[in-house]
Amino acid sequence: MLALQHTLRPIERPELSPIFVIGTGRSGTTLLRQMLNAHPRIHITHEAAFYSYAWHAPKDISADEWFDLYADTFSFAWMRLDPEQIRRAFPRNLSMHQLREVFLAIMKAKAMQEGKVRFGEKNPLDTQNLGQIFSDFPDARVISIMRDPRPTVYSFNRMPFGTTSTMLNAQLCRVQFAHIKPFLDRILEVRLEDLTRDPRQIMQSILHFVGEPWDDAVLDHVQRSQTDDVPPMPWFVGATKRNPNQRESGVREELTPAWTRIIEWVNREAMEHYGYERAPLAHEPSLFDYAWTLGRDIKGIAEATYRLLAMKRLIDRHFQGKERLDPQRGMEENVRLNPPAWQHYPSFSMPQVPRLEHVSQNMLGP
C-alpha cells in the first residue's frame, strides 16, 4: 500500500484548492469520482476536459471567444449548465492566460447546482496538464489513481475510446506516469487495488488530503452520488453501479505471455514505483513470439495513429474557428477510435448529447 495521508490538511480558501482526479483511463478514475461525489460537500465534474481543450486554442483569442467554442462541445453539454450563466460569472476581456477564471466560473456553477461547496474535475488526460493546473492553482489537490498496467491495457483494448494497438495502449500508461513524475511531491497517489481492498482507509486518506471531514456516504456512492452528468456509456455506468470491492483490478489471463512481458517492460518504471510484480508465466515467450506479436500490432498502430490525428484535426479546427464540430459528432468520433471494441457492446445505442437552450449567437454556424 502506498503512503497514506493520516492528518487533515486544512483548506483556508476552498475556491483556490480545486480537486482533480487523474490517472490512466481504466484505472478507477470514474469510481473514485463517484465516491468523492457522494460526500455532502464535494462535486467533481465528469471529464469536462477544460485544460485539455485549452491546448487546441490559438493563443491570440480571448477567453470569452474560447468559452463560446468550449460551450459548443459535448463535454460542456453533459454538465447541463446554462452558458449565459457562466458568461456572467467571469470578467470580460480576459486573455487566454487568465483562463482559470473561466474554469472557476464553470466549476463553481456546477458545484452550486449540486448543492456542494468544493469542486473540481475528473479527467484522466489531465496528467499532461499538471504544469498549467499548478500554475493556476498552486494549492490544487490532485489525486492520481493507478492500476496494474496489465489489466489496464487489456481493458483499453476493449474500449471504443482506446486504440486498436496494444502497444500504443501500453505506451499510454507509460507516458501518463512520466507526466506525473515531476509532481509526485504535490499529489496523492492511490492504487486501485488498495481502494478496492480497503475503501474506508483509502477514502479517509483522500479526504484528509483534500481537507474535508470524514462522511460514511463516500462508501455508499451507488445510492448517493449524482450520475445525470455522465454520458450513459456502458464503461461509465458500470462504475456508478458497483461498489469498490466489486471492481476487478487484477491481471487478466487473456493477455498472451508475449504481451504480458511487453507491457511489463514498457511500464517497468511505474510497476517498480507502485510495487507490481512480474506475472508468473507457465513458459517465457521466445524471440519468435515477440516478433510475431509486435508484427501483428503494426496495422493497429497505423489505424490508431490515423484516427487520433483525424480527431485532433477536428478539435483543432473547431477551436481555431475554422469548422464547427457538432457536439453529437464530437462525442461519437471520440468513441470510434477503436471500432473492433464495439463487438463487446452489441446492444448499445448511442445517447443524444443534451441540448442547451441558451447558446451564444457568436457560436460557429452549422
Protein backbone atom coordinates (compact mmCIF):
# COMPACT_ATOMS: atom_id res chain seq x y z
CA MET A 1 0.00 0.00 0.00
CA LEU A 2 1.22 3.50 -0.82
CA ALA A 3 1.79 6.18 1.83
CA LEU A 4 -1.42 7.46 3.40
CA GLN A 5 -2.42 10.96 4.46
CA HIS A 6 -3.08 10.46 8.18
CA THR A 7 -3.89 14.03 9.20
CA LEU A 8 -6.36 16.54 7.84
CA ARG A 9 -4.79 19.18 5.58
CA PRO A 10 -6.77 22.34 6.33
CA ILE A 11 -8.05 24.43 3.44
CA GLU A 12 -8.16 28.16 4.10
CA ARG A 13 -9.76 29.12 0.77
CA PRO A 14 -11.50 26.15 -0.92
CA GLU A 15 -12.03 28.14 -4.11
CA LEU A 16 -8.25 28.19 -4.58
CA SER A 17 -7.86 24.45 -3.95
CA PRO A 18 -9.93 22.65 -6.58
CA ILE A 19 -9.77 18.86 -6.55
CA PHE A 20 -8.51 16.98 -9.59
CA VAL A 21 -8.81 13.23 -10.11
CA ILE A 22 -6.31 11.99 -12.67
CA GLY A 23 -4.81 8.69 -13.79
CA THR A 24 -4.59 6.41 -16.76
CA GLY A 25 -8.03 5.63 -18.20
CA ARG A 26 -9.48 2.33 -16.97
CA SER A 27 -7.63 2.78 -13.68
CA GLY A 28 -10.63 3.68 -11.50
CA THR A 29 -10.96 7.43 -12.04
CA THR A 30 -14.74 7.19 -12.56
CA LEU A 31 -15.17 5.05 -9.45
CA LEU A 32 -13.13 7.47 -7.33
CA ARG A 33 -15.05 10.43 -8.73
CA GLN A 34 -18.35 8.79 -7.80
CA MET A 35 -17.15 8.05 -4.26
CA LEU A 36 -16.00 11.64 -3.76
CA ASN A 37 -19.27 12.97 -5.16
CA ALA A 38 -21.20 11.00 -2.54
CA HIS A 39 -19.63 13.34 0.04
CA PRO A 40 -22.10 16.08 1.04
CA ARG A 41 -19.58 18.87 0.32
CA ILE A 42 -17.80 17.70 -2.87
CA HIS A 43 -18.70 17.68 -6.55
CA ILE A 44 -16.17 16.60 -9.17
CA THR A 45 -17.23 17.12 -12.78
CA HIS A 46 -17.04 14.24 -15.23
CA GLU A 47 -14.35 14.86 -17.87
CA ALA A 48 -15.13 18.49 -18.58
CA ALA A 49 -11.80 18.36 -20.46
CA PHE A 50 -11.29 22.04 -19.68
CA TYR A 51 -7.49 22.10 -19.72
CA SER A 52 -7.30 19.50 -22.49
CA TYR A 53 -9.41 21.64 -24.84
CA ALA A 54 -7.33 24.69 -23.97
CA TRP A 55 -4.38 23.06 -25.74
CA HIS A 56 -6.23 23.35 -29.05
CA ALA A 57 -6.96 27.07 -28.92
CA PRO A 58 -4.92 29.79 -30.64
CA LYS A 59 -3.11 31.94 -28.08
CA ASP A 60 -4.36 35.19 -29.60
CA ILE A 61 -8.07 34.66 -28.93
CA SER A 62 -9.74 35.97 -25.80
CA ALA A 63 -11.08 33.81 -23.01
CA ASP A 64 -14.59 34.95 -24.00
CA GLU A 65 -14.08 33.67 -27.54
CA TRP A 66 -12.60 30.45 -26.26
CA PHE A 67 -15.55 29.86 -23.96
CA ASP A 68 -18.00 30.32 -26.84
CA LEU A 69 -16.25 27.46 -28.60
CA TYR A 70 -15.91 25.34 -25.47
CA ALA A 71 -19.61 25.74 -24.66
CA ASP A 72 -20.30 24.15 -28.05
CA THR A 73 -18.69 20.81 -27.11
CA PHE A 74 -20.27 17.59 -25.86
CA SER A 75 -18.09 17.80 -22.74
CA PHE A 76 -19.74 21.05 -21.69
CA ALA A 77 -23.20 19.92 -22.77
CA TRP A 78 -23.20 16.94 -20.40
CA MET A 79 -22.65 19.30 -17.45
CA ARG A 80 -26.12 20.69 -18.19
CA LEU A 81 -25.15 24.27 -17.36
CA ASP A 82 -26.52 27.46 -18.90
CA PRO A 83 -23.70 29.09 -20.92
CA GLU A 84 -25.14 32.55 -20.28
CA GLN A 85 -24.94 31.95 -16.53
CA ILE A 86 -21.27 31.09 -16.90
CA ARG A 87 -20.54 34.16 -19.06
CA ARG A 88 -21.99 36.42 -16.39
CA ALA A 89 -19.78 34.80 -13.74
CA PHE A 90 -16.33 35.68 -15.14
CA PRO A 91 -14.89 39.10 -16.07
CA ARG A 92 -14.95 40.35 -19.66
CA ASN A 93 -11.89 40.78 -21.86
CA LEU A 94 -9.79 38.08 -20.24
CA SER A 95 -6.82 36.71 -22.14
CA MET A 96 -6.08 33.02 -22.56
CA HIS A 97 -3.52 33.43 -19.76
CA GLN A 98 -6.43 34.20 -17.43
CA LEU A 99 -8.47 31.15 -18.37
CA ARG A 100 -8.50 29.97 -14.76
CA GLU A 101 -11.29 32.49 -14.11
CA VAL A 102 -13.46 30.67 -16.64
CA PHE A 103 -12.61 27.34 -15.02
CA LEU A 104 -13.66 28.69 -11.64
CA ALA A 105 -16.93 30.03 -13.03
CA ILE A 106 -17.81 26.64 -14.55
CA MET A 107 -16.81 24.51 -11.59
CA LYS A 108 -18.44 26.75 -9.01
CA ALA A 109 -21.68 26.80 -11.00
CA LYS A 110 -21.75 23.01 -11.28
CA ALA A 111 -20.97 22.51 -7.60
CA MET A 112 -23.70 25.00 -6.66
CA GLN A 113 -26.14 23.19 -8.95
CA GLU A 114 -25.45 20.02 -6.96
CA GLY A 115 -25.65 21.81 -3.60
CA LYS A 116 -21.90 21.40 -2.92
CA VAL A 117 -19.16 23.83 -1.89
CA ARG A 118 -15.99 22.01 -3.04
CA PHE A 119 -15.40 21.48 -6.74
CA GLY A 120 -13.00 20.07 -9.27
CA GLU A 121 -12.66 17.83 -12.29
CA LYS A 122 -12.03 14.19 -13.08
CA ASN A 123 -10.13 13.81 -16.33
CA PRO A 124 -7.52 11.09 -16.98
CA LEU A 125 -5.83 13.29 -19.60
CA ASP A 126 -5.12 16.00 -17.03
CA THR A 127 -1.90 14.13 -16.29
CA GLN A 128 -0.42 16.18 -19.15
CA ASN A 129 -1.93 19.41 -17.81
CA LEU A 130 -0.46 19.37 -14.31
CA GLY A 131 2.02 22.14 -15.04
CA GLN A 132 -0.78 24.53 -16.02
CA ILE A 133 -3.07 23.34 -13.24
CA PHE A 134 -0.47 24.02 -10.55
CA SER A 135 0.40 27.34 -12.19
CA ASP A 136 -3.25 28.39 -11.99
CA PHE A 137 -3.90 26.79 -8.60
CA PRO A 138 -0.70 26.29 -6.56
CA ASP A 139 -2.73 24.66 -3.76
CA ALA A 140 -4.78 22.37 -6.02
CA ARG A 141 -5.44 18.94 -4.52
CA VAL A 142 -4.59 16.32 -7.13
CA ILE A 143 -5.31 12.63 -6.60
CA SER A 144 -3.68 10.23 -9.05
CA ILE A 145 -5.12 6.73 -9.12
CA MET A 146 -3.02 3.91 -10.54
CA ARG A 147 -3.91 0.39 -11.61
CA ASP A 148 -1.68 -2.51 -12.62
CA PRO A 149 -0.74 -1.74 -16.27
CA ARG A 150 -1.55 -5.25 -17.48
CA PRO A 151 -5.30 -5.28 -16.76
CA THR A 152 -5.38 -1.58 -17.67
CA VAL A 153 -4.05 -2.27 -21.16
CA TYR A 154 -6.32 -5.30 -21.54
CA SER A 155 -9.29 -3.08 -20.66
CA PHE A 156 -8.14 -0.36 -23.07
CA ASN A 157 -8.08 -2.94 -25.85
CA ARG A 158 -11.83 -3.45 -25.28
CA MET A 159 -12.75 0.25 -25.07
CA PRO A 160 -14.15 2.16 -28.08
CA PHE A 161 -12.19 5.23 -26.91
CA GLY A 162 -8.94 3.26 -26.65
CA THR A 163 -6.81 2.41 -29.66
CA THR A 164 -6.57 -0.60 -31.96
CA SER A 165 -2.95 -1.13 -30.87
CA THR A 166 -1.99 -2.94 -27.68
CA MET A 167 1.46 -1.37 -27.89
CA LEU A 168 0.04 2.15 -28.07
CA ASN A 169 -2.26 1.39 -25.14
CA ALA A 170 0.76 0.17 -23.16
CA GLN A 171 2.70 3.28 -24.13
CA LEU A 172 -0.18 5.49 -22.96
CA CYS A 173 0.21 4.07 -19.45
CA ARG A 174 3.93 4.76 -19.55
CA VAL A 175 3.51 8.32 -20.84
CA GLN A 176 0.92 9.22 -18.23
CA PHE A 177 3.22 8.07 -15.45
CA ALA A 178 6.02 10.13 -17.00
CA HIS A 179 3.72 13.18 -16.89
CA ILE A 180 3.05 12.92 -13.16
CA LYS A 181 6.63 12.11 -12.07
CA PRO A 182 7.72 15.76 -11.74
CA PHE A 183 4.77 16.43 -9.42
CA LEU A 184 4.86 13.40 -7.12
CA ASP A 185 5.63 15.61 -4.11
CA ARG A 186 2.42 17.59 -4.70
CA ILE A 187 -0.13 14.88 -5.43
CA LEU A 188 -1.65 11.98 -3.52
CA GLU A 189 -1.08 8.62 -5.20
CA VAL A 190 -3.64 5.86 -4.79
CA ARG A 191 -3.68 2.33 -6.16
CA LEU A 192 -7.00 0.95 -7.37
CA GLU A 193 -6.11 -2.39 -5.81
CA ASP A 194 -5.84 -0.71 -2.38
CA LEU A 195 -9.08 1.23 -2.87
CA THR A 196 -10.97 -1.97 -3.70
CA ARG A 197 -9.35 -3.86 -0.82
CA ASP A 198 -9.83 -1.26 1.91
CA PRO A 199 -12.09 1.58 0.68
CA ARG A 200 -12.56 3.10 4.14
CA GLN A 201 -8.87 3.55 4.86
CA ILE A 202 -8.06 4.87 1.39
CA MET A 203 -11.00 7.29 1.34
CA GLN A 204 -10.02 8.56 4.81
CA SER A 205 -6.57 9.33 3.43
CA ILE A 206 -8.05 11.09 0.38
CA LEU A 207 -10.43 13.23 2.44
CA HIS A 208 -7.58 14.22 4.76
CA PHE A 209 -5.58 15.25 1.71
CA VAL A 210 -8.36 17.40 0.19
CA GLY A 211 -9.19 18.92 3.60
CA GLU A 212 -12.69 17.56 4.13
CA PRO A 213 -14.15 15.72 7.13
CA TRP A 214 -15.00 12.05 7.01
CA ASP A 215 -18.51 11.05 5.94
CA ASP A 216 -19.73 7.46 5.60
CA ALA A 217 -21.59 8.49 2.45
CA VAL A 218 -18.41 8.04 0.41
CA LEU A 219 -18.72 4.30 1.00
CA ASP A 220 -22.24 4.28 -0.46
CA HIS A 221 -21.76 6.03 -3.79
CA VAL A 222 -24.08 3.63 -5.62
CA GLN A 223 -27.05 5.15 -3.79
CA ARG A 224 -25.83 8.70 -3.16
CA SER A 225 -23.73 10.10 -6.00
CA GLN A 226 -25.14 12.04 -8.95
CA THR A 227 -24.99 10.47 -12.42
CA ASP A 228 -27.04 12.76 -14.67
CA ASP A 229 -23.90 14.48 -15.93
CA VAL A 230 -22.28 11.21 -17.05
CA PRO A 231 -22.83 10.07 -20.65
CA PRO A 232 -24.68 6.73 -20.31
CA MET A 233 -21.88 4.68 -21.84
CA PRO A 234 -21.51 1.09 -20.54
CA TRP A 235 -18.00 1.66 -19.17
CA PHE A 236 -19.14 4.67 -17.13
CA VAL A 237 -22.42 3.12 -16.00
CA GLY A 238 -20.57 0.10 -14.60
CA ALA A 239 -18.51 2.28 -12.30
CA THR A 240 -21.63 4.00 -10.96
CA LYS A 241 -23.35 0.72 -10.08
CA ARG A 242 -20.54 -1.29 -8.48
CA ASN A 243 -19.05 -0.93 -5.02
CA PRO A 244 -15.24 -0.77 -4.82
CA ASN A 245 -14.87 -4.38 -3.70
CA GLN A 246 -16.86 -5.49 -6.76
CA ARG A 247 -14.34 -3.88 -9.10
CA GLU A 248 -11.95 -6.27 -10.85
CA SER A 249 -8.41 -4.96 -10.67
CA GLY A 250 -6.09 -7.94 -11.14
CA VAL A 251 -4.04 -9.25 -14.04
CA ARG A 252 -6.13 -10.61 -16.90
CA GLU A 253 -5.28 -14.10 -18.09
CA GLU A 254 -6.50 -13.25 -21.60
CA LEU A 255 -3.22 -11.44 -22.31
CA THR A 256 -0.73 -13.65 -24.14
CA PRO A 257 2.61 -14.31 -22.43
CA ALA A 258 4.35 -12.10 -25.00
CA TRP A 259 2.02 -9.16 -24.43
CA THR A 260 2.27 -9.61 -20.67
CA ARG A 261 6.04 -9.28 -20.80
CA ILE A 262 5.95 -6.41 -23.32
CA ILE A 263 3.52 -4.40 -21.16
CA GLU A 264 5.68 -5.07 -18.10
CA TRP A 265 8.81 -3.90 -19.94
CA VAL A 266 7.19 -0.75 -21.35
CA ASN A 267 5.85 0.14 -17.89
CA ARG A 268 8.74 -1.20 -15.83
CA GLU A 269 9.36 2.14 -14.06
CA ALA A 270 5.74 2.56 -12.96
CA MET A 271 5.48 -1.10 -11.94
CA GLU A 272 8.51 -0.76 -9.69
CA HIS A 273 7.27 2.53 -8.24
CA TYR A 274 3.84 1.10 -7.36
CA GLY A 275 5.05 -2.36 -6.31
CA TYR A 276 3.59 -4.51 -9.08
CA GLU A 277 5.43 -7.82 -9.52
CA ARG A 278 6.16 -9.56 -12.80
CA ALA A 279 3.47 -12.09 -13.64
CA PRO A 280 4.33 -15.77 -13.20
CA LEU A 281 4.13 -17.48 -16.59
CA ALA A 282 4.00 -21.16 -17.45
CA HIS A 283 6.68 -20.50 -20.06
CA GLU A 284 8.62 -17.46 -21.21
CA PRO A 285 7.93 -16.12 -24.72
CA SER A 286 10.52 -16.83 -27.39
CA LEU A 287 12.04 -14.22 -29.70
CA PHE A 288 9.70 -15.53 -32.38
CA ASP A 289 6.71 -14.97 -30.06
CA TYR A 290 7.76 -11.35 -29.54
CA ALA A 291 8.35 -10.74 -33.24
CA TRP A 292 5.02 -12.33 -34.19
CA THR A 293 3.14 -10.37 -31.53
CA LEU A 294 4.64 -6.99 -32.44
CA GLY A 295 4.33 -7.62 -36.16
CA ARG A 296 0.60 -8.28 -35.85
CA ASP A 297 0.21 -4.98 -33.97
CA ILE A 298 1.64 -2.81 -36.77
CA LYS A 299 -1.71 -2.50 -38.53
CA GLY A 300 -3.36 -1.41 -35.30
CA ILE A 301 -0.69 1.24 -34.74
CA ALA A 302 -1.25 2.66 -38.24
CA GLU A 303 -5.04 2.69 -37.88
CA ALA A 304 -4.91 4.22 -34.40
CA THR A 305 -2.46 6.92 -35.45
CA TYR A 306 -4.67 7.91 -38.37
CA ARG A 307 -7.82 8.09 -36.21
CA LEU A 308 -6.11 10.02 -33.42
CA LEU A 309 -4.68 12.58 -35.83
CA ALA A 310 -8.04 12.93 -37.57
CA MET A 311 -9.75 13.53 -34.24
CA LYS A 312 -7.11 16.09 -33.26
CA ARG A 313 -7.65 17.91 -36.54
CA LEU A 314 -11.40 18.14 -35.94
CA ILE A 315 -10.85 19.63 -32.48
CA ASP A 316 -8.13 21.98 -33.71
CA ARG A 317 -10.34 23.35 -36.49
CA HIS A 318 -13.24 23.81 -34.08
CA PHE A 319 -11.20 25.84 -31.59
CA GLN A 320 -9.48 27.77 -34.38
CA GLY A 321 -12.93 28.85 -35.59
CA LYS A 322 -12.48 27.20 -38.99
CA GLU A 323 -15.08 24.43 -38.87
CA ARG A 324 -17.65 23.73 -36.17
CA LEU A 325 -17.52 20.27 -34.63
CA ASP A 326 -21.11 19.42 -33.77
CA PRO A 327 -21.27 18.15 -30.15
CA GLN A 328 -23.06 14.95 -31.16
CA ARG A 329 -20.48 14.19 -33.82
CA GLY A 330 -17.66 15.07 -31.41
CA MET A 331 -18.90 12.53 -28.86
CA GLU A 332 -19.42 9.86 -31.50
CA GLU A 333 -15.99 10.38 -33.04
CA ASN A 334 -14.45 10.08 -29.59
CA VAL A 335 -15.79 6.53 -29.23
CA ARG A 336 -14.91 5.47 -32.77
CA LEU A 337 -11.19 5.38 -32.14
CA ASN A 338 -11.27 1.61 -31.66
CA PRO A 339 -14.06 0.18 -33.90
CA PRO A 340 -13.38 -3.51 -33.11
CA ALA A 341 -14.17 -2.83 -29.45
CA TRP A 342 -17.86 -2.30 -30.25
CA GLN A 343 -18.27 -6.08 -30.57
CA HIS A 344 -18.26 -6.14 -26.76
CA TYR A 345 -21.34 -3.87 -26.64
CA PRO A 346 -23.77 -5.38 -29.17
CA SER A 347 -26.91 -3.86 -27.64
CA PHE A 348 -25.50 -0.37 -27.14
CA SER A 349 -27.39 2.62 -28.55
CA MET A 350 -25.56 5.95 -28.86
CA PRO A 351 -27.03 8.53 -26.46
CA GLN A 352 -28.01 12.00 -27.57
CA VAL A 353 -25.97 14.92 -26.28
CA PRO A 354 -28.14 17.21 -24.09
CA ARG A 355 -29.27 20.30 -25.97
CA LEU A 356 -28.52 23.67 -24.42
CA GLU A 357 -31.33 26.19 -24.72
CA HIS A 358 -29.21 29.31 -24.25
CA VAL A 359 -26.41 29.30 -26.81
CA SER A 360 -24.46 32.43 -27.71
CA GLN A 361 -25.11 33.97 -31.09
CA ASN A 362 -21.33 34.11 -31.50
CA MET A 363 -21.14 30.36 -31.90
CA LEU A 364 -19.93 28.97 -35.19
CA GLY A 365 -22.63 28.18 -37.72
CA PRO A 366 -23.65 24.61 -38.56
